[in-house]
């Protein structure tokens, strides 16, 4: 088969569409003929040599895909050759075929075109596991998500608004903030000329927000804690703004607040905290509203896999809204 390879760490230009060995379908796995995959920030880090795949995972980039099952491994039940699916991956999506644990499969939602479904697994599983399972966002609470126009952000806004939370979000342009408001955000904050902690204080009467979903890490840590309400929960899922910062423990104690840092890719397929439980919860709690159109994937553009470098450059420069998809060559 063909796949996007990384001959050496570097910029987007190193990505190469090349021949690679076919995936092997192991016990408990299926092989999916890929119709589309999506670009995630983790792919950019891996391309640069900073984020190796977990042990045993494919070296090929790509943390999600959609496609058609072409092979079913030993012990797999509930799935058949020909089923249209999307999947959460630990790697391997930037290819014509990928082997994936069956517990990480989701059926293509009714009403969602198969390629578009590739935009769903990573964002729905990330948002559901962090904002709802971990941070426990409730109806009537206030939620702040950074990067509201990103793939994660566009899904977090929709799911939080659906849950009855008041949603605040940051983005870098007025046009992106307009999209965020259309998706359900109540307050848009332009991080280029506004201090989000000050806006949060003004919008909440000094109370703060109950949950923050943060993709920036070190750069935003202090102000995220400032923005928390008493009993607030900060969940850090990215490090675009660096990896090291000081945490004001006295302020955290005074607010009886908590800080969590989590990753999805490194979780095992099954067992406590594994991907299987998250995927099952998403299928039960999110998929029905995706099928009703209450929650929808936001796709910025689609490019052939041979132009993966262009797709990475777009995401690196934050020129997109929602997800950038990659499709195998005809």
Protein backbone atom coordinates (compact mmCIF):
# COMPACT_ATOMS: atom_id res chain seq x y z
CA UNK A 1 0.00 0.00 0.00
CA UNK A 2 0.95 3.68 -0.03
CA UNK A 3 1.21 5.97 2.98
CA UNK A 4 2.62 9.31 4.06
CA UNK A 5 6.09 8.70 5.48
CA UNK A 6 8.55 10.83 7.46
CA UNK A 7 12.03 9.94 6.13
CA UNK A 8 13.59 12.33 8.67
CA UNK A 9 12.25 14.80 11.23
CA UNK A 10 11.65 18.28 9.87
CA UNK A 11 9.17 20.72 8.39
CA UNK A 12 6.05 19.91 6.37
CA UNK A 13 8.17 19.40 3.26
CA UNK A 14 9.64 16.12 4.61
CA UNK A 15 6.31 14.30 4.31
CA UNK A 16 6.48 11.80 1.45
CA UNK A 17 3.79 9.68 -0.24
CA UNK A 18 5.49 6.30 -0.63
CA UNK A 19 5.12 2.52 -0.74
CA UNK A 20 5.05 0.80 2.68
CA UNK A 21 4.17 -2.72 3.90
CA UNK A 22 0.51 -3.57 4.30
CA UNK A 23 -0.82 -3.67 7.88
CA UNK A 24 -1.25 -7.06 9.55
CA UNK A 25 -4.61 -7.82 11.14
CA UNK A 26 -3.97 -9.20 14.61
CA UNK A 27 -6.39 -10.84 17.07
CA UNK A 28 -9.07 -8.40 18.18
CA UNK A 29 -8.33 -6.08 15.26
CA UNK A 30 -9.83 -5.18 11.91
CA UNK A 31 -8.24 -3.70 8.82
CA UNK A 32 -9.92 -0.57 7.48
CA UNK A 33 -9.54 0.60 3.89
CA UNK A 34 -9.08 4.30 4.57
CA UNK A 35 -11.38 6.81 2.88
CA UNK A 36 -10.09 9.79 4.87
CA UNK A 37 -7.96 10.77 7.84
CA UNK A 38 -7.59 14.09 9.68
CA UNK A 39 -4.64 16.21 10.72
CA UNK A 40 -4.07 16.69 14.45
CA UNK A 41 -1.50 18.80 16.30
CA UNK A 42 0.09 15.59 17.58
CA UNK A 43 0.91 14.70 13.95
CA UNK A 44 2.91 17.91 13.62
CA UNK A 45 4.89 17.09 16.75
CA UNK A 46 5.58 13.56 15.57
CA UNK A 47 6.74 14.85 12.18
CA UNK A 48 9.24 17.08 14.00
CA UNK A 49 10.54 14.14 16.04
CA UNK A 50 9.01 15.24 19.36
CA UNK A 51 6.12 12.82 19.84
CA UNK A 52 6.93 9.18 19.07
CA UNK A 53 4.05 6.69 18.87
CA UNK A 54 3.30 4.47 21.86
CA UNK A 55 5.05 1.06 21.95
CA UNK A 56 3.55 -1.26 19.36
CA UNK A 57 1.71 1.47 17.47
CA UNK A 58 2.23 2.23 13.80
CA UNK A 59 5.02 4.68 12.96
CA UNK A 60 2.76 6.20 10.31
CA UNK A 61 1.07 9.47 11.27
CA UNK A 62 -2.67 9.71 11.81
CA UNK A 63 -4.79 9.41 14.95
CA UNK A 64 -8.19 8.87 13.32
CA UNK A 65 -9.73 7.72 10.08
CA UNK A 66 -12.89 6.67 8.33
CA UNK A 67 -13.34 3.89 5.83
CA UNK A 68 -14.63 0.40 5.11
CA UNK A 69 -13.68 -2.79 6.98
CA UNK A 70 -11.82 -5.13 4.61
CA UNK A 71 -10.60 -7.77 7.08
CA UNK A 72 -11.77 -8.98 10.50
CA UNK A 73 -9.32 -10.56 12.91
CA UNK A 74 -9.68 -13.49 15.28
CA UNK A 75 -12.06 -12.89 18.18
CA UNK A 76 -13.78 -9.83 16.73
CA UNK A 77 -17.56 -9.77 17.05
CA UNK A 78 -20.11 -7.15 16.06
CA UNK A 79 -18.23 -5.98 12.97
CA UNK A 80 -18.16 -7.40 9.43
CA UNK A 81 -16.31 -6.87 6.17
CA UNK A 82 -18.02 -4.02 4.32
CA UNK A 83 -19.06 -2.05 7.42
CA UNK A 84 -18.57 1.70 7.11
CA UNK A 85 -16.76 2.96 10.19
CA UNK A 86 -14.58 5.63 11.70
CA UNK A 87 -11.85 4.85 14.20
CA UNK A 88 -9.69 6.26 16.95
CA UNK A 89 -6.07 5.30 16.26
CA UNK A 90 -2.71 5.34 18.02
CA UNK A 91 -1.17 5.85 14.57
CA UNK A 92 -1.42 4.71 10.96
CA UNK A 93 -4.20 6.90 9.56
CA UNK A 94 -2.17 8.59 6.80
CA UNK A 95 -2.33 5.44 4.66
CA UNK A 96 -4.51 3.45 2.29
CA UNK A 97 -5.15 0.80 4.97
CA UNK A 98 -4.78 0.60 8.73
CA UNK A 99 -5.15 -2.10 11.39
CA UNK A 100 -7.10 -0.97 14.45
CA UNK A 101 -8.40 -2.64 17.63
CA UNK A 102 -12.09 -3.33 17.08
CA UNK A 103 -12.92 -1.68 20.43
CA UNK A 104 -11.80 1.65 18.92
CA UNK A 105 -14.31 1.55 16.06
CA UNK A 106 -17.43 3.67 15.73
CA UNK A 107 -20.10 3.17 13.07
CA UNK A 108 -20.40 5.89 10.46
CA UNK A 109 -23.15 8.12 11.85
CA UNK A 110 -26.33 8.17 9.79
CA UNK A 111 -26.47 11.39 7.81
CA UNK A 112 -22.69 11.95 7.87
CA UNK A 113 -20.80 11.29 4.63
CA UNK A 114 -18.10 8.64 5.10
CA UNK A 115 -15.05 10.85 4.46
CA UNK A 116 -16.44 13.57 6.73
CA UNK A 117 -16.76 11.02 9.53
CA UNK A 118 -12.94 11.02 9.76
CA UNK A 119 -13.25 14.40 11.49
CA UNK A 120 -15.12 12.90 14.45
CA UNK A 121 -13.24 10.22 16.48
CA UNK A 122 -10.38 12.23 17.97
CA UNK A 123 -12.40 15.34 18.83
CA UNK A 124 -15.43 13.57 20.26
CA UNK A 125 -13.33 11.18 22.35
CA UNK A 126 -11.03 13.96 23.57
CA UNK A 127 -13.83 16.33 24.53
CA UNK A 128 -16.11 13.72 26.07
CA UNK A 129 -13.37 12.09 28.16
CA UNK A 130 -11.90 15.35 29.41
CA UNK A 131 -14.76 17.84 29.69
CA UNK A 132 -17.50 15.48 30.81
CA UNK A 133 -15.99 12.28 32.24
CA UNK A 134 -13.01 13.91 33.97
CA UNK A 135 -14.03 17.51 34.66
CA UNK A 136 -17.73 16.69 35.06
CA UNK A 137 -19.17 19.75 33.32
CA UNK A 138 -22.81 20.16 34.38
CA UNK A 139 -25.85 22.06 33.13
CA UNK A 140 -25.77 25.65 34.38
CA UNK A 141 -21.97 25.73 34.79
CA UNK A 142 -19.60 27.99 32.87
CA UNK A 143 -17.02 26.59 30.46
CA UNK A 144 -13.96 28.15 28.81
CA UNK A 145 -12.29 26.43 25.85
CA UNK A 146 -9.15 27.79 24.26
CA UNK A 147 -8.73 27.57 20.51
CA UNK A 148 -12.44 27.51 19.85
CA UNK A 149 -12.02 27.39 16.06
CA UNK A 150 -9.82 24.27 16.16
CA UNK A 151 -11.16 20.77 15.66
CA UNK A 152 -11.26 20.19 19.42
CA UNK A 153 -12.66 23.66 20.04
CA UNK A 154 -15.51 23.43 17.54
CA UNK A 155 -16.62 20.13 19.07
CA UNK A 156 -16.17 21.31 22.68
CA UNK A 157 -18.34 24.36 22.04
CA UNK A 158 -21.13 22.25 20.56
CA UNK A 159 -21.11 19.58 23.27
CA UNK A 160 -20.89 22.08 26.14
CA UNK A 161 -23.73 24.19 24.71
CA UNK A 162 -25.80 21.03 24.18
CA UNK A 163 -25.21 20.15 27.84
CA UNK A 164 -26.62 23.49 28.97
CA UNK A 165 -23.37 25.19 29.96
CA UNK A 166 -22.50 28.83 29.30
CA UNK A 167 -19.59 28.76 26.85
CA UNK A 168 -16.69 31.20 26.58
CA UNK A 169 -13.96 30.68 24.01
CA UNK A 170 -10.76 32.21 22.66
CA UNK A 171 -9.70 32.52 19.02
CA UNK A 172 -7.36 34.72 17.02
CA UNK A 173 -9.62 36.51 14.53
CA UNK A 174 -13.07 38.08 14.44
CA UNK A 175 -14.10 35.66 11.66
CA UNK A 176 -13.12 32.64 13.75
CA UNK A 177 -15.01 34.02 16.75
CA UNK A 178 -18.09 34.46 14.55
CA UNK A 179 -17.95 30.75 13.72
CA UNK A 180 -17.58 29.92 17.42
CA UNK A 181 -20.70 31.93 18.22
CA UNK A 182 -22.62 30.21 15.43
CA UNK A 183 -21.70 26.86 17.02
CA UNK A 184 -23.03 27.92 20.42
CA UNK A 185 -20.39 30.04 22.19
CA UNK A 186 -21.91 32.80 24.33
CA UNK A 187 -18.73 34.89 24.63
CA UNK A 188 -15.86 35.17 22.16
CA UNK A 189 -12.46 36.44 23.26
CA UNK A 190 -9.80 37.55 20.76
CA UNK A 191 -6.59 36.41 22.45
CA UNK A 192 -4.52 38.76 20.26
CA UNK A 193 -5.89 41.91 21.86
CA UNK A 194 -7.80 40.76 24.96
CA UNK A 195 -6.67 39.14 28.21
CA UNK A 196 -8.95 36.14 28.58
CA UNK A 197 -8.69 36.12 32.39
CA UNK A 198 -9.88 39.73 32.52
CA UNK A 199 -12.77 38.99 30.15
CA UNK A 200 -13.75 35.94 32.20
CA UNK A 201 -13.80 38.05 35.38
CA UNK A 202 -15.94 40.71 33.71
CA UNK A 203 -18.35 38.20 32.13
CA UNK A 204 -18.84 36.18 35.33
CA UNK A 205 -18.97 39.04 37.84
CA UNK A 206 -15.62 37.97 39.25
CA UNK A 207 -16.81 34.42 39.95
CA UNK A 208 -14.75 32.65 37.27
CA UNK A 209 -15.49 29.57 35.18
CA UNK A 210 -16.16 26.05 36.38
CA UNK A 211 -14.19 24.18 33.70
CA UNK A 212 -11.32 25.19 31.42
CA UNK A 213 -10.15 23.03 28.49
CA UNK A 214 -6.65 24.19 27.57
CA UNK A 215 -4.41 23.34 24.62
CA UNK A 216 -1.63 25.83 25.43
CA UNK A 217 -0.01 24.46 28.58
CA UNK A 218 2.69 26.53 30.28
CA UNK A 219 1.92 29.89 28.67
CA UNK A 220 -1.65 29.95 29.96
CA UNK A 221 -1.28 28.07 33.26
CA UNK A 222 -1.25 31.06 35.63
CA UNK A 223 -4.11 32.89 33.91
CA UNK A 224 -6.14 29.69 33.63
CA UNK A 225 -5.95 29.30 37.41
CA UNK A 226 -6.89 32.98 37.77
CA UNK A 227 -9.94 32.31 35.60
CA UNK A 228 -11.19 29.36 37.67
CA UNK A 229 -14.13 29.65 40.03
CA UNK A 230 -14.12 28.11 43.48
CA UNK A 231 -14.21 24.38 42.87
CA UNK A 232 -13.10 24.90 39.27
CA UNK A 233 -11.40 22.26 37.13
CA UNK A 234 -8.61 22.96 34.63
CA UNK A 235 -7.85 20.24 32.09
CA UNK A 236 -4.65 20.62 30.06
CA UNK A 237 -4.53 18.58 26.84
CA UNK A 238 -1.79 20.36 24.89
CA UNK A 239 1.49 22.20 25.15
CA UNK A 240 1.51 24.62 22.23
CA UNK A 241 2.55 27.31 24.70
CA UNK A 242 5.39 25.37 26.33
CA UNK A 243 5.89 22.63 28.90
CA UNK A 244 7.17 24.29 32.09
CA UNK A 245 5.53 26.92 34.29
CA UNK A 246 5.11 27.73 37.98
CA UNK A 247 1.83 26.84 39.64
CA UNK A 248 0.53 29.06 42.45
CA UNK A 249 -0.47 26.38 44.95
CA UNK A 250 -1.84 28.93 47.43
CA UNK A 251 -4.23 30.28 44.82
CA UNK A 252 -5.26 26.76 43.83
CA UNK A 253 -5.87 25.82 47.48
CA UNK A 254 -7.84 29.01 48.07
CA UNK A 255 -10.14 28.13 45.21
CA UNK A 256 -10.32 24.42 46.10
CA UNK A 257 -9.62 23.93 42.41
CA UNK A 258 -7.93 21.13 40.50
CA UNK A 259 -5.55 20.84 37.56
CA UNK A 260 -5.51 17.75 35.34
CA UNK A 261 -3.17 16.93 32.47
CA UNK A 262 -4.23 14.10 30.19
CA UNK A 263 -3.41 12.41 26.90
CA UNK A 264 -5.57 10.14 24.78
CA UNK A 265 -3.09 8.54 22.40
CA UNK A 266 -1.05 6.69 25.02
CA UNK A 267 -4.05 5.02 26.67
CA UNK A 268 -4.32 1.25 26.17
CA UNK A 269 -7.12 -0.08 23.96
CA UNK A 270 -8.88 -1.79 26.88
CA UNK A 271 -8.83 -1.91 30.66
CA UNK A 272 -9.26 0.89 33.23
CA UNK A 273 -8.97 4.27 31.55
CA UNK A 274 -8.62 2.62 28.15
CA UNK A 275 -9.90 3.82 24.82
CA UNK A 276 -12.62 1.18 24.66
CA UNK A 277 -14.57 2.76 27.50
CA UNK A 278 -14.25 6.24 26.02
CA UNK A 279 -15.32 5.08 22.56
CA UNK A 280 -18.31 3.22 24.02
CA UNK A 281 -19.37 6.31 25.98
CA UNK A 282 -19.08 8.49 22.88
CA UNK A 283 -21.18 6.04 20.89
CA UNK A 284 -23.86 6.07 23.59
CA UNK A 285 -23.84 9.73 24.62
CA UNK A 286 -22.68 11.69 21.55
CA UNK A 287 -23.48 9.65 18.44
CA UNK A 288 -27.28 10.05 18.69
CA UNK A 289 -26.98 13.84 18.51
CA UNK A 290 -24.47 13.59 15.66
CA UNK A 291 -27.02 11.50 13.76
CA UNK A 292 -29.73 14.06 14.52
CA UNK A 293 -27.51 16.90 13.32
CA UNK A 294 -27.48 18.59 16.73
CA UNK A 295 -23.70 18.10 16.82
CA UNK A 296 -21.74 18.13 13.58
CA UNK A 297 -18.17 17.75 12.38
CA UNK A 298 -16.62 20.97 11.08
CA UNK A 299 -14.33 20.44 8.08
CA UNK A 300 -12.16 23.25 6.77
CA UNK A 301 -10.79 21.54 3.65
CA UNK A 302 -9.88 18.23 2.05
CA UNK A 303 -6.55 17.47 0.41
CA UNK A 304 -5.00 14.36 -1.15
CA UNK A 305 -2.47 12.55 1.03
CA UNK A 306 0.28 13.43 -1.43
CA UNK A 307 -0.23 17.03 -0.26
CA UNK A 308 0.05 16.21 3.43
CA UNK A 309 2.83 18.77 3.77
CA UNK A 310 0.44 21.51 2.64
CA UNK A 311 -2.14 20.31 5.16
CA UNK A 312 0.44 20.43 7.97
CA UNK A 313 1.46 23.95 6.98
CA UNK A 314 -2.16 25.08 7.16
CA UNK A 315 -2.64 23.62 10.64
CA UNK A 316 0.75 24.87 11.84
CA UNK A 317 -0.21 28.42 10.83
CA UNK A 318 -3.71 28.05 12.34
CA UNK A 319 -5.27 29.01 9.02
CA UNK A 320 -8.09 26.51 9.42
CA UNK A 321 -11.46 26.31 11.17
CA UNK A 322 -12.35 22.79 12.28
CA UNK A 323 -10.54 19.82 10.75
CA UNK A 324 -8.29 19.40 7.72
CA UNK A 325 -8.89 16.05 6.04
CA UNK A 326 -6.51 13.95 3.94
CA UNK A 327 -7.80 11.47 1.35
CA UNK A 328 -5.81 8.65 -0.31
CA UNK A 329 -5.00 9.11 -4.00
CA UNK A 330 -7.38 7.59 -6.53
